Amino acid sequence: MSKRTENYLEKRKILVDKALEKFMPKPSNLAGDVIRAMHYTLFAGGKRIRPVLCIAGAEAVGGSADGVLPVACALELIHSYSLIHDDLPALDNDDFRRGKPTNHKVFGEAVALLAGDGLLTLAFTLMARYGLEKRVDKEALLRVIDLIASAAGYKGMVGGQVADISYEGKDPDPSVVEYIHTHKTGALIAASVTAGTILAGGNEEEIQSISRYGQHVGLAFQIADDILNIEGNRDVIGKGIGGDKQRGKTTYPSVFGITKSKDIQNELVDRAIEALNRFDKRAEPLRDLARYIIRRRS
């Protein structure tokens, strides 16, 4: 990772973390256990890629981090909910995440399930309050909420997760793996960066260009995860490796092999950066993030 990218990620991550601490409720009363479980996963680490992409998407068209911060934080809440649910025994049955025991290992399956529900619903509360309490273009915000809801629901992340489960142990299929990855992971990443551009007042051509960027980057991100599950260092990643193969997951390496998968992700990054040709240096963080996504080690 270049020093410039590292500095950008770190500064935006600090901004997002401070906002999340402000937005999250404190454990209290009979809801204390589930709130503690929500905090556990949300603040267990992570690079805040989705909120950072939201901020970078806004900055690319002249917006600011402050102008999109509630939505950026909502995206991280949704991502954290998905991690809790993905790790449950009914899905991937993982014991560790980011070097720590998974949520259900600490709080039990029932509370972990409800903690995920709590994070997901809080995300939409956060975006609704943003529209009620701040001076924001209400039409743009409604468009963003619709975009994020679609990316998180059956048209996106949920639908991709179902396909992922359904095709475990079956013969690898290129069309299936693309569907799984573009929905399970790519949809929310694309929505994240596009949401920032919409809220910052980007015009339709800018929004469409950023959306294409997000689609390419989202798919490249998941392919990188597939490769890390094979070649990654367990201590760096913070969870076990090799699980995809053991469970018979449909992944890019299982369909195309490692070498071809790396070629595909490199091509996707090139196409993502090409989608930003109309933008000036304000989009440089987006270009850097696209390159970083396939070079990361965790």
C-alpha atoms as a PDB file:
ATOM      1  CA  MET A   1       0.000   0.000   0.000  1.00  0.00           C
ATOM      2  CA  SER A   2       1.356   3.424  -0.915  1.00  0.00           C
ATOM      3  CA  LYS A   3       1.891   5.977   1.847  1.00  0.00           C
ATOM      4  CA  ARG A   4      -0.738   8.221   0.262  1.00  0.00           C
ATOM      5  CA  THR A   5      -3.359   5.465   0.308  1.00  0.00           C
ATOM      6  CA  GLU A   6      -2.409   4.453   3.835  1.00  0.00           C
ATOM      7  CA  ASN A   7      -2.765   8.035   5.098  1.00  0.00           C
ATOM      8  CA  TYR A   8      -6.098   8.509   3.338  1.00  0.00           C
ATOM      9  CA  LEU A   9      -7.530   5.265   4.722  1.00  0.00           C
ATOM     10  CA  GLU A  10      -6.300   5.973   8.231  1.00  0.00           C
ATOM     11  CA  LYS A  11      -7.682   9.534   8.396  1.00  0.00           C
ATOM     12  CA  ARG A  12     -11.091   8.534   7.028  1.00  0.00           C
ATOM     13  CA  LYS A  13     -11.203   5.465   9.282  1.00  0.00           C
ATOM     14  CA  ILE A  14     -10.611   7.612  12.360  1.00  0.00           C
ATOM     15  CA  LEU A  15     -13.400   9.949  11.222  1.00  0.00           C
ATOM     16  CA  VAL A  16     -15.812   7.031  10.727  1.00  0.00           C
ATOM     17  CA  ASP A  17     -14.864   5.359  14.024  1.00  0.00           C
ATOM     18  CA  LYS A  18     -15.517   8.559  15.986  1.00  0.00           C
ATOM     19  CA  ALA A  19     -18.886   8.986  14.292  1.00  0.00           C
ATOM     20  CA  LEU A  20     -19.833   5.356  14.962  1.00  0.00           C
ATOM     21  CA  GLU A  21     -19.017   5.794  18.653  1.00  0.00           C
ATOM     22  CA  LYS A  22     -21.296   8.823  18.690  1.00  0.00           C
ATOM     23  CA  PHE A  23     -24.170   7.151  16.831  1.00  0.00           C
ATOM     24  CA  MET A  24     -24.160   3.799  18.669  1.00  0.00           C
ATOM     25  CA  PRO A  25     -26.395   3.443  21.735  1.00  0.00           C
ATOM     26  CA  LYS A  26     -24.803   2.609  25.078  1.00  0.00           C
ATOM     27  CA  PRO A  27     -25.686  -0.738  26.691  1.00  0.00           C
ATOM     28  CA  SER A  28     -28.519  -0.223  29.148  1.00  0.00           C
ATOM     29  CA  ASN A  29     -31.613  -1.835  30.654  1.00  0.00           C
ATOM     30  CA  LEU A  30     -32.844  -5.173  29.363  1.00  0.00           C
ATOM     31  CA  ALA A  31     -31.463  -4.471  25.865  1.00  0.00           C
ATOM     32  CA  GLY A  32     -27.925  -4.281  27.258  1.00  0.00           C
ATOM     33  CA  ASP A  33     -26.843  -7.731  26.096  1.00  0.00           C
ATOM     34  CA  VAL A  34     -27.804  -7.238  22.463  1.00  0.00           C
ATOM     35  CA  ILE A  35     -26.281  -3.761  22.368  1.00  0.00           C
ATOM     36  CA  ARG A  36     -23.027  -5.136  23.768  1.00  0.00           C
ATOM     37  CA  ALA A  37     -23.078  -7.801  21.053  1.00  0.00           C
ATOM     38  CA  MET A  38     -23.638  -5.101  18.428  1.00  0.00           C
ATOM     39  CA  HIS A  39     -20.662  -3.150  19.765  1.00  0.00           C
ATOM     40  CA  TYR A  40     -18.482  -6.266  19.849  1.00  0.00           C
ATOM     41  CA  THR A  41     -18.499  -6.856  16.109  1.00  0.00           C
ATOM     42  CA  LEU A  42     -18.772  -3.227  15.030  1.00  0.00           C
ATOM     43  CA  PHE A  43     -15.653  -2.234  16.978  1.00  0.00           C
ATOM     44  CA  ALA A  44     -13.670  -5.456  16.520  1.00  0.00           C
ATOM     45  CA  GLY A  45     -11.436  -3.886  13.885  1.00  0.00           C
ATOM     46  CA  GLY A  46     -11.766  -3.611  10.133  1.00  0.00           C
ATOM     47  CA  LYS A  47     -10.635  -1.034   7.610  1.00  0.00           C
ATOM     48  CA  ARG A  48     -14.066   0.602   7.069  1.00  0.00           C
ATOM     49  CA  ILE A  49     -13.754   0.133   3.297  1.00  0.00           C
ATOM     50  CA  ARG A  50     -17.441   0.751   2.550  1.00  0.00           C
ATOM     51  CA  PRO A  51     -17.778   4.027   4.474  1.00  0.00           C
ATOM     52  CA  VAL A  52     -14.419   5.202   3.118  1.00  0.00           C
ATOM     53  CA  LEU A  53     -15.616   4.501  -0.434  1.00  0.00           C
ATOM     54  CA  CYS A  54     -18.787   6.475   0.322  1.00  0.00           C
ATOM     55  CA  ILE A  55     -16.704   9.433   1.456  1.00  0.00           C
ATOM     56  CA  ALA A  56     -14.327   9.144  -1.515  1.00  0.00           C
ATOM     57  CA  GLY A  57     -17.313   9.018  -3.887  1.00  0.00           C
ATOM     58  CA  ALA A  58     -18.575  12.278  -2.417  1.00  0.00           C
ATOM     59  CA  GLU A  59     -15.175  13.945  -2.533  1.00  0.00           C
ATOM     60  CA  ALA A  60     -14.723  12.975  -6.193  1.00  0.00           C
ATOM     61  CA  VAL A  61     -17.545  15.389  -7.122  1.00  0.00           C
ATOM     62  CA  GLY A  62     -16.604  18.133  -4.683  1.00  0.00           C
ATOM     63  CA  GLY A  63     -18.490  16.948  -1.604  1.00  0.00           C
ATOM     64  CA  SER A  64     -17.176  16.490   1.927  1.00  0.00           C
ATOM     65  CA  ALA A  65     -16.894  13.666   4.419  1.00  0.00           C
ATOM     66  CA  ASP A  66     -19.147  15.472   6.907  1.00  0.00           C
ATOM     67  CA  GLY A  67     -21.922  15.670   4.338  1.00  0.00           C
ATOM     68  CA  VAL A  68     -22.172  11.879   3.974  1.00  0.00           C
ATOM     69  CA  LEU A  69     -20.940  10.609   7.349  1.00  0.00           C
ATOM     70  CA  PRO A  70     -24.282   9.288   8.693  1.00  0.00           C
ATOM     71  CA  VAL A  71     -24.840   7.263   5.517  1.00  0.00           C
ATOM     72  CA  ALA A  72     -21.212   6.102   5.521  1.00  0.00           C
ATOM     73  CA  CYS A  73     -21.683   4.843   9.087  1.00  0.00           C
ATOM     74  CA  ALA A  74     -24.976   3.174   8.161  1.00  0.00           C
ATOM     75  CA  LEU A  75     -23.103   1.196   5.492  1.00  0.00           C
ATOM     76  CA  GLU A  76     -20.663  -0.069   8.109  1.00  0.00           C
ATOM     77  CA  LEU A  77     -23.555  -1.113  10.354  1.00  0.00           C
ATOM     78  CA  ILE A  78     -25.015  -3.139   7.481  1.00  0.00           C
ATOM     79  CA  HIS A  79     -21.652  -4.704   6.722  1.00  0.00           C
ATOM     80  CA  SER A  80     -21.147  -5.643  10.386  1.00  0.00           C
ATOM     81  CA  TYR A  81     -24.601  -7.218  10.557  1.00  0.00           C
ATOM     82  CA  SER A  82     -23.740  -9.338   7.514  1.00  0.00           C
ATOM     83  CA  LEU A  83     -20.521 -10.553   9.140  1.00  0.00           C
ATOM     84  CA  ILE A  84     -22.353 -11.696  12.281  1.00  0.00           C
ATOM     85  CA  HIS A  85     -24.920 -13.613  10.264  1.00  0.00           C
ATOM     86  CA  ASP A  86     -22.345 -15.071   7.841  1.00  0.00           C
ATOM     87  CA  ASP A  87     -20.390 -16.531  10.755  1.00  0.00           C
ATOM     88  CA  LEU A  88     -23.394 -18.308  12.313  1.00  0.00           C
ATOM     89  CA  PRO A  89     -23.441 -22.128  12.325  1.00  0.00           C
ATOM     90  CA  ALA A  90     -26.378 -22.111   9.899  1.00  0.00           C
ATOM     91  CA  LEU A  91     -24.208 -20.355   7.315  1.00  0.00           C
ATOM     92  CA  ASP A  92     -20.385 -20.435   7.321  1.00  0.00           C
ATOM     93  CA  ASN A  93     -19.976 -21.641  10.928  1.00  0.00           C
ATOM     94  CA  ASP A  94     -16.766 -19.676  11.564  1.00  0.00           C
ATOM     95  CA  ASP A  95     -15.125 -19.480  14.986  1.00  0.00           C
ATOM     96  CA  PHE A  96     -12.909 -16.431  14.409  1.00  0.00           C
ATOM     97  CA  ARG A  97     -13.251 -13.060  12.725  1.00  0.00           C
ATOM     98  CA  ARG A  98     -10.514 -10.403  12.695  1.00  0.00           C
ATOM     99  CA  GLY A  99      -8.494 -12.473  15.159  1.00  0.00           C
ATOM    100  CA  LYS A 100     -11.284 -12.660  17.757  1.00  0.00           C
ATOM    101  CA  PRO A 101     -13.973 -15.233  18.530  1.00  0.00           C
ATOM    102  CA  THR A 102     -17.026 -14.667  16.345  1.00  0.00           C
ATOM    103  CA  ASN A 103     -20.088 -13.017  17.837  1.00  0.00           C
ATOM    104  CA  HIS A 104     -22.064 -16.195  18.444  1.00  0.00           C
ATOM    105  CA  LYS A 105     -19.080 -17.779  20.205  1.00  0.00           C
ATOM    106  CA  VAL A 106     -19.140 -14.937  22.747  1.00  0.00           C
ATOM    107  CA  PHE A 107     -22.840 -14.115  23.076  1.00  0.00           C
ATOM    108  CA  GLY A 108     -24.584 -17.268  21.859  1.00  0.00           C
ATOM    109  CA  GLU A 109     -26.412 -17.851  18.598  1.00  0.00           C
ATOM    110  CA  ALA A 110     -29.699 -16.220  19.588  1.00  0.00           C
ATOM    111  CA  VAL A 111     -28.180 -12.935  20.766  1.00  0.00           C
ATOM    112  CA  ALA A 112     -25.765 -12.864  17.803  1.00  0.00           C
ATOM    113  CA  LEU A 113     -28.653 -13.278  15.385  1.00  0.00           C
ATOM    114  CA  LEU A 114     -30.542 -10.453  17.071  1.00  0.00           C
ATOM    115  CA  ALA A 115     -27.415  -8.277  17.220  1.00  0.00           C
ATOM    116  CA  GLY A 116     -27.191  -8.537  13.438  1.00  0.00           C
ATOM    117  CA  ASP A 117     -30.855  -7.579  13.186  1.00  0.00           C
ATOM    118  CA  GLY A 118     -30.194  -4.652  15.509  1.00  0.00           C
ATOM    119  CA  LEU A 119     -27.328  -3.324  13.415  1.00  0.00           C
ATOM    120  CA  LEU A 120     -29.302  -3.624  10.172  1.00  0.00           C
ATOM    121  CA  THR A 121     -32.340  -1.781  11.489  1.00  0.00           C
ATOM    122  CA  LEU A 122     -30.206   0.852  13.222  1.00  0.00           C
ATOM    123  CA  ALA A 123     -28.580   1.603   9.870  1.00  0.00           C
ATOM    124  CA  PHE A 124     -31.903   2.692   8.403  1.00  0.00           C
ATOM    125  CA  THR A 125     -32.797   4.612  11.565  1.00  0.00           C
ATOM    126  CA  LEU A 126     -29.532   6.491  11.174  1.00  0.00           C
ATOM    127  CA  MET A 127     -30.252   7.431   7.558  1.00  0.00           C
ATOM    128  CA  ALA A 128     -33.841   8.446   8.353  1.00  0.00           C
ATOM    129  CA  ARG A 129     -32.716  10.681  11.225  1.00  0.00           C
ATOM    130  CA  TYR A 130     -30.154  12.257   8.932  1.00  0.00           C
ATOM    131  CA  GLY A 131     -32.997  13.300   6.643  1.00  0.00           C
ATOM    132  CA  LEU A 132     -35.095  14.591   9.533  1.00  0.00           C
ATOM    133  CA  GLU A 133     -32.413  16.454  11.464  1.00  0.00           C
ATOM    134  CA  LYS A 134     -29.968  17.793   8.866  1.00  0.00           C
ATOM    135  CA  ARG A 135     -30.173  20.011   5.831  1.00  0.00           C
ATOM    136  CA  VAL A 136     -29.883  17.436   3.104  1.00  0.00           C
ATOM    137  CA  ASP A 137     -31.469  16.965  -0.300  1.00  0.00           C
ATOM    138  CA  LYS A 138     -34.382  14.716   0.674  1.00  0.00           C
ATOM    139  CA  GLU A 139     -34.854  13.330  -2.838  1.00  0.00           C
ATOM    140  CA  ALA A 140     -31.177  12.399  -3.043  1.00  0.00           C
ATOM    141  CA  LEU A 141     -31.336  10.752   0.382  1.00  0.00           C
ATOM    142  CA  LEU A 142     -34.424   8.721  -0.553  1.00  0.00           C
ATOM    143  CA  ARG A 143     -32.646   7.593  -3.711  1.00  0.00           C
ATOM    144  CA  VAL A 144     -29.659   6.517  -1.634  1.00  0.00           C
ATOM    145  CA  ILE A 145     -31.789   4.643   0.915  1.00  0.00           C
ATOM    146  CA  ASP A 146     -33.514   2.792  -1.926  1.00  0.00           C
ATOM    147  CA  LEU A 147     -30.118   1.977  -3.480  1.00  0.00           C
ATOM    148  CA  ILE A 148     -28.664   0.671  -0.226  1.00  0.00           C
ATOM    149  CA  ALA A 149     -31.791  -1.321   0.661  1.00  0.00           C
ATOM    150  CA  SER A 150     -31.685  -3.029  -2.736  1.00  0.00           C
ATOM    151  CA  ALA A 151     -27.962  -3.765  -2.406  1.00  0.00           C
ATOM    152  CA  ALA A 152     -28.455  -5.256   1.068  1.00  0.00           C
ATOM    153  CA  GLY A 153     -31.609  -7.243   0.300  1.00  0.00           C
ATOM    154  CA  TYR A 154     -32.666 -10.087  -1.969  1.00  0.00           C
ATOM    155  CA  LYS A 155     -31.564  -8.156  -5.058  1.00  0.00           C
ATOM    156  CA  GLY A 156     -28.054  -7.930  -3.651  1.00  0.00           C
ATOM    157  CA  MET A 157     -26.305  -9.282  -0.574  1.00  0.00           C
ATOM    158  CA  VAL A 158     -29.077 -11.597   0.666  1.00  0.00           C
ATOM    159  CA  GLY A 159     -29.686 -13.036  -2.797  1.00  0.00           C
ATOM    160  CA  GLY A 160     -25.972 -13.600  -3.313  1.00  0.00           C
ATOM    161  CA  GLN A 161     -25.681 -15.328   0.061  1.00  0.00           C
ATOM    162  CA  VAL A 162     -28.546 -17.691  -0.790  1.00  0.00           C
ATOM    163  CA  ALA A 163     -26.903 -18.592  -4.114  1.00  0.00           C
ATOM    164  CA  ASP A 164     -23.606 -19.099  -2.316  1.00  0.00           C
ATOM    165  CA  ILE A 165     -25.218 -21.625   0.031  1.00  0.00           C
ATOM    166  CA  SER A 166     -27.257 -23.308  -2.704  1.00  0.00           C
ATOM    167  CA  TYR A 167     -24.214 -24.007  -4.883  1.00  0.00           C
ATOM    168  CA  GLU A 168     -21.919 -25.412  -2.211  1.00  0.00           C
ATOM    169  CA  GLY A 169     -20.467 -28.702  -3.408  1.00  0.00           C
ATOM    170  CA  LYS A 170     -21.754 -28.337  -6.959  1.00  0.00           C
ATOM    171  CA  ASP A 171     -19.730 -28.176 -10.161  1.00  0.00           C
ATOM    172  CA  PRO A 172     -18.068 -24.740 -10.583  1.00  0.00           C
ATOM    173  CA  ASP A 173     -19.973 -22.531 -13.023  1.00  0.00           C
ATOM    174  CA  PRO A 174     -18.633 -19.169 -14.329  1.00  0.00           C
ATOM    175  CA  SER A 175     -22.085 -17.556 -14.534  1.00  0.00           C
ATOM    176  CA  VAL A 176     -22.968 -18.675 -11.009  1.00  0.00           C
ATOM    177  CA  VAL A 177     -19.753 -17.426  -9.422  1.00  0.00           C
ATOM    178  CA  GLU A 178     -20.182 -14.027 -11.081  1.00  0.00           C
ATOM    179  CA  TYR A 179     -23.763 -13.830  -9.803  1.00  0.00           C
ATOM    180  CA  ILE A 180     -22.734 -14.764  -6.268  1.00  0.00           C
ATOM    181  CA  HIS A 181     -19.866 -12.296  -6.101  1.00  0.00           C
ATOM    182  CA  THR A 182     -21.610  -9.330  -7.738  1.00  0.00           C
ATOM    183  CA  HIS A 183     -24.555  -9.753  -5.386  1.00  0.00           C
ATOM    184  CA  LYS A 184     -23.087 -11.042  -2.132  1.00  0.00           C
ATOM    185  CA  THR A 185     -20.232  -8.527  -1.959  1.00  0.00           C
ATOM    186  CA  GLY A 186     -20.147  -6.310  -5.036  1.00  0.00           C
ATOM    187  CA  ALA A 187     -23.625  -4.802  -4.712  1.00  0.00           C
ATOM    188  CA  LEU A 188     -23.040  -3.112  -1.336  1.00  0.00           C
ATOM    189  CA  ILE A 189     -19.580  -1.892  -2.327  1.00  0.00           C
ATOM    190  CA  ALA A 190     -20.967  -0.363  -5.522  1.00  0.00           C
ATOM    191  CA  ALA A 191     -23.850   1.171  -3.560  1.00  0.00           C
ATOM    192  CA  SER A 192     -21.405   2.642  -1.031  1.00  0.00           C
ATOM    193  CA  VAL A 193     -19.373   4.685  -3.479  1.00  0.00           C
ATOM    194  CA  THR A 194     -22.424   5.613  -5.587  1.00  0.00           C
ATOM    195  CA  ALA A 195     -24.335   6.799  -2.503  1.00  0.00           C
ATOM    196  CA  GLY A 196     -21.588   9.287  -1.693  1.00  0.00           C
ATOM    197  CA  THR A 197     -21.674  10.708  -5.214  1.00  0.00           C
ATOM    198  CA  ILE A 198     -25.463  11.064  -5.181  1.00  0.00           C
ATOM    199  CA  LEU A 199     -25.533  12.803  -1.788  1.00  0.00           C
ATOM    200  CA  ALA A 200     -22.746  15.172  -2.836  1.00  0.00           C
ATOM    201  CA  GLY A 201     -24.806  16.371  -5.811  1.00  0.00           C
ATOM    202  CA  GLY A 202     -23.083  14.536  -8.643  1.00  0.00           C
ATOM    203  CA  ASN A 203     -24.788  14.761 -12.023  1.00  0.00           C
ATOM    204  CA  GLU A 204     -26.180  11.690 -13.773  1.00  0.00           C
ATOM    205  CA  GLU A 205     -23.082  11.106 -15.906  1.00  0.00           C
ATOM    206  CA  GLU A 206     -20.874  11.293 -12.828  1.00  0.00           C
ATOM    207  CA  ILE A 207     -23.168   8.963 -10.893  1.00  0.00           C
ATOM    208  CA  GLN A 208     -23.175   6.395 -13.697  1.00  0.00           C
ATOM    209  CA  SER A 209     -19.384   6.525 -14.013  1.00  0.00           C
ATOM    210  CA  ILE A 210     -18.909   6.092 -10.279  1.00  0.00           C
ATOM    211  CA  SER A 211     -21.431   3.250 -10.290  1.00  0.00           C
ATOM    212  CA  ARG A 212     -19.429   1.420 -12.983  1.00  0.00           C
ATOM    213  CA  TYR A 213     -16.299   1.974 -10.936  1.00  0.00           C
ATOM    214  CA  GLY A 214     -18.047   0.490  -7.897  1.00  0.00           C
ATOM    215  CA  GLN A 215     -19.274  -2.574  -9.768  1.00  0.00           C
ATOM    216  CA  HIS A 216     -15.778  -3.391 -11.017  1.00  0.00           C
ATOM    217  CA  VAL A 217     -14.156  -2.730  -7.651  1.00  0.00           C
ATOM    218  CA  GLY A 218     -16.793  -4.737  -5.791  1.00  0.00           C
ATOM    219  CA  LEU A 219     -16.175  -7.824  -7.889  1.00  0.00           C
ATOM    220  CA  ALA A 220     -12.390  -7.399  -7.657  1.00  0.00           C
ATOM    221  CA  PHE A 221     -12.705  -7.121  -3.869  1.00  0.00           C
ATOM    222  CA  GLN A 222     -14.451 -10.489  -3.562  1.00  0.00           C
ATOM    223  CA  ILE A 223     -12.015 -12.197  -5.930  1.00  0.00           C
ATOM    224  CA  ALA A 224      -9.208 -10.884  -3.717  1.00  0.00           C
ATOM    225  CA  ASP A 225     -10.994 -12.446  -0.723  1.00  0.00           C
ATOM    226  CA  ASP A 226     -11.215 -15.761  -2.598  1.00  0.00           C
ATOM    227  CA  ILE A 227      -7.492 -15.670  -3.239  1.00  0.00           C
ATOM    228  CA  LEU A 228      -6.682 -14.710   0.363  1.00  0.00           C
ATOM    229  CA  ASN A 229      -8.706 -17.712   1.527  1.00  0.00           C
ATOM    230  CA  ILE A 230      -6.131 -19.845  -0.286  1.00  0.00           C
ATOM    231  CA  GLU A 231      -2.876 -17.887  -0.130  1.00  0.00           C
ATOM    232  CA  GLY A 232      -3.434 -15.640   2.881  1.00  0.00           C
ATOM    233  CA  ASN A 233      -1.701 -15.724   6.248  1.00  0.00           C
ATOM    234  CA  ARG A 234      -4.068 -16.794   9.006  1.00  0.00           C
ATOM    235  CA  ASP A 235      -2.398 -14.501  11.557  1.00  0.00           C
ATOM    236  CA  VAL A 236      -2.730 -11.485   9.248  1.00  0.00           C
ATOM    237  CA  ILE A 237      -6.275 -12.226   8.071  1.00  0.00           C
ATOM    238  CA  GLY A 238      -7.498 -13.013  11.580  1.00  0.00           C
ATOM    239  CA  LYS A 239      -9.509 -16.096  10.608  1.00  0.00           C
ATOM    240  CA  GLY A 240      -8.955 -19.538   9.163  1.00  0.00           C
ATOM    241  CA  ILE A 241      -7.953 -20.117   5.545  1.00  0.00           C
ATOM    242  CA  GLY A 242      -8.926 -22.897   3.191  1.00  0.00           C
ATOM    243  CA  GLY A 243     -12.539 -22.951   4.346  1.00  0.00           C
ATOM    244  CA  ASP A 244     -13.942 -22.188   0.895  1.00  0.00           C
ATOM    245  CA  LYS A 245     -12.412 -25.338  -0.576  1.00  0.00           C
ATOM    246  CA  GLN A 246     -13.452 -27.484   2.387  1.00  0.00           C
ATOM    247  CA  ARG A 247     -17.071 -26.394   2.036  1.00  0.00           C
ATOM    248  CA  GLY A 248     -17.058 -26.703  -1.738  1.00  0.00           C
ATOM    249  CA  LYS A 249     -17.745 -23.003  -2.262  1.00  0.00           C
ATOM    250  CA  THR A 250     -18.150 -21.670  -5.779  1.00  0.00           C
ATOM    251  CA  THR A 251     -15.312 -19.131  -6.018  1.00  0.00           C
ATOM    252  CA  TYR A 252     -13.236 -17.612  -8.796  1.00  0.00           C
ATOM    253  CA  PRO A 253     -10.218 -19.835  -8.019  1.00  0.00           C
ATOM    254  CA  SER A 254     -12.447 -22.931  -8.031  1.00  0.00           C
ATOM    255  CA  VAL A 255     -13.770 -21.962 -11.469  1.00  0.00           C
ATOM    256  CA  PHE A 256     -10.776 -20.323 -13.142  1.00  0.00           C
ATOM    257  CA  GLY A 257      -7.751 -21.194 -11.014  1.00  0.00           C
ATOM    258  CA  ILE A 258      -5.518 -18.782  -9.095  1.00  0.00           C
ATOM    259  CA  THR A 259      -3.541 -17.353 -12.042  1.00  0.00           C
ATOM    260  CA  LYS A 260      -6.597 -16.586 -14.169  1.00  0.00           C
ATOM    261  CA  SER A 261      -8.423 -15.166 -11.141  1.00  0.00           C
ATOM    262  CA  LYS A 262      -5.570 -12.724 -10.549  1.00  0.00           C
ATOM    263  CA  ASP A 263      -5.675 -11.724 -14.218  1.00  0.00           C
ATOM    264  CA  ILE A 264      -9.417 -11.095 -13.956  1.00  0.00           C
ATOM    265  CA  GLN A 265      -9.106  -8.937 -10.850  1.00  0.00           C
ATOM    266  CA  ASN A 266      -6.310  -6.903 -12.447  1.00  0.00           C
ATOM    267  CA  GLU A 267      -8.504  -6.322 -15.488  1.00  0.00           C
ATOM    268  CA  LEU A 268     -11.397  -5.278 -13.244  1.00  0.00           C
ATOM    269  CA  VAL A 269      -9.210  -2.718 -11.473  1.00  0.00           C
ATOM    270  CA  ASP A 270      -8.070  -1.330 -14.833  1.00  0.00           C
ATOM    271  CA  ARG A 271     -11.700  -0.996 -15.912  1.00  0.00           C
ATOM    272  CA  ALA A 272     -12.624   0.644 -12.606  1.00  0.00           C
ATOM    273  CA  ILE A 273      -9.900   3.260 -13.013  1.00  0.00           C
ATOM    274  CA  GLU A 274     -10.891   3.775 -16.644  1.00  0.00           C
ATOM    275  CA  ALA A 275     -14.436   4.559 -15.492  1.00  0.00           C
ATOM    276  CA  LEU A 276     -12.970   7.566 -13.654  1.00  0.00           C
ATOM    277  CA  ASN A 277     -11.416   9.158 -16.761  1.00  0.00           C
ATOM    278  CA  ARG A 278     -13.840  12.078 -16.648  1.00  0.00           C
ATOM    279  CA  PHE A 279     -12.794  12.962 -13.071  1.00  0.00           C
ATOM    280  CA  ASP A 280      -9.904  15.146 -11.925  1.00  0.00           C
ATOM    281  CA  LYS A 281      -7.466  14.659  -9.058  1.00  0.00           C
ATOM    282  CA  ARG A 282     -10.299  14.726  -6.517  1.00  0.00           C
ATOM    283  CA  ALA A 283     -10.984  11.120  -7.600  1.00  0.00           C
ATOM    284  CA  GLU A 284      -7.387  10.064  -6.938  1.00  0.00           C
ATOM    285  CA  PRO A 285      -8.353   8.374  -3.645  1.00  0.00           C
ATOM    286  CA  LEU A 286     -10.791   6.185  -5.591  1.00  0.00           C
ATOM    287  CA  ARG A 287      -8.049   5.211  -8.027  1.00  0.00           C
ATOM    288  CA  ASP A 288      -5.716   4.401  -5.132  1.00  0.00           C
ATOM    289  CA  LEU A 289      -8.402   2.372  -3.351  1.00  0.00           C
ATOM    290  CA  ALA A 290      -9.030   0.284  -6.475  1.00  0.00           C
ATOM    291  CA  ARG A 291      -5.340  -0.651  -6.611  1.00  0.00           C
ATOM    292  CA  TYR A 292      -5.196  -1.274  -2.871  1.00  0.00           C
ATOM    293  CA  ILE A 293      -8.137  -3.699  -2.913  1.00  0.00           C
ATOM    294  CA  ILE A 294      -6.219  -6.384  -4.810  1.00  0.00           C
ATOM    295  CA  ARG A 295      -2.917  -5.791  -3.022  1.00  0.00           C
ATOM    296  CA  ARG A 296      -4.229  -6.018   0.533  1.00  0.00           C
ATOM    297  CA  ARG A 297      -3.200  -8.897   2.772  1.00  0.00           C
ATOM    298  CA  SER A 298      -6.290  -8.995   4.993  1.00  0.00           C
END
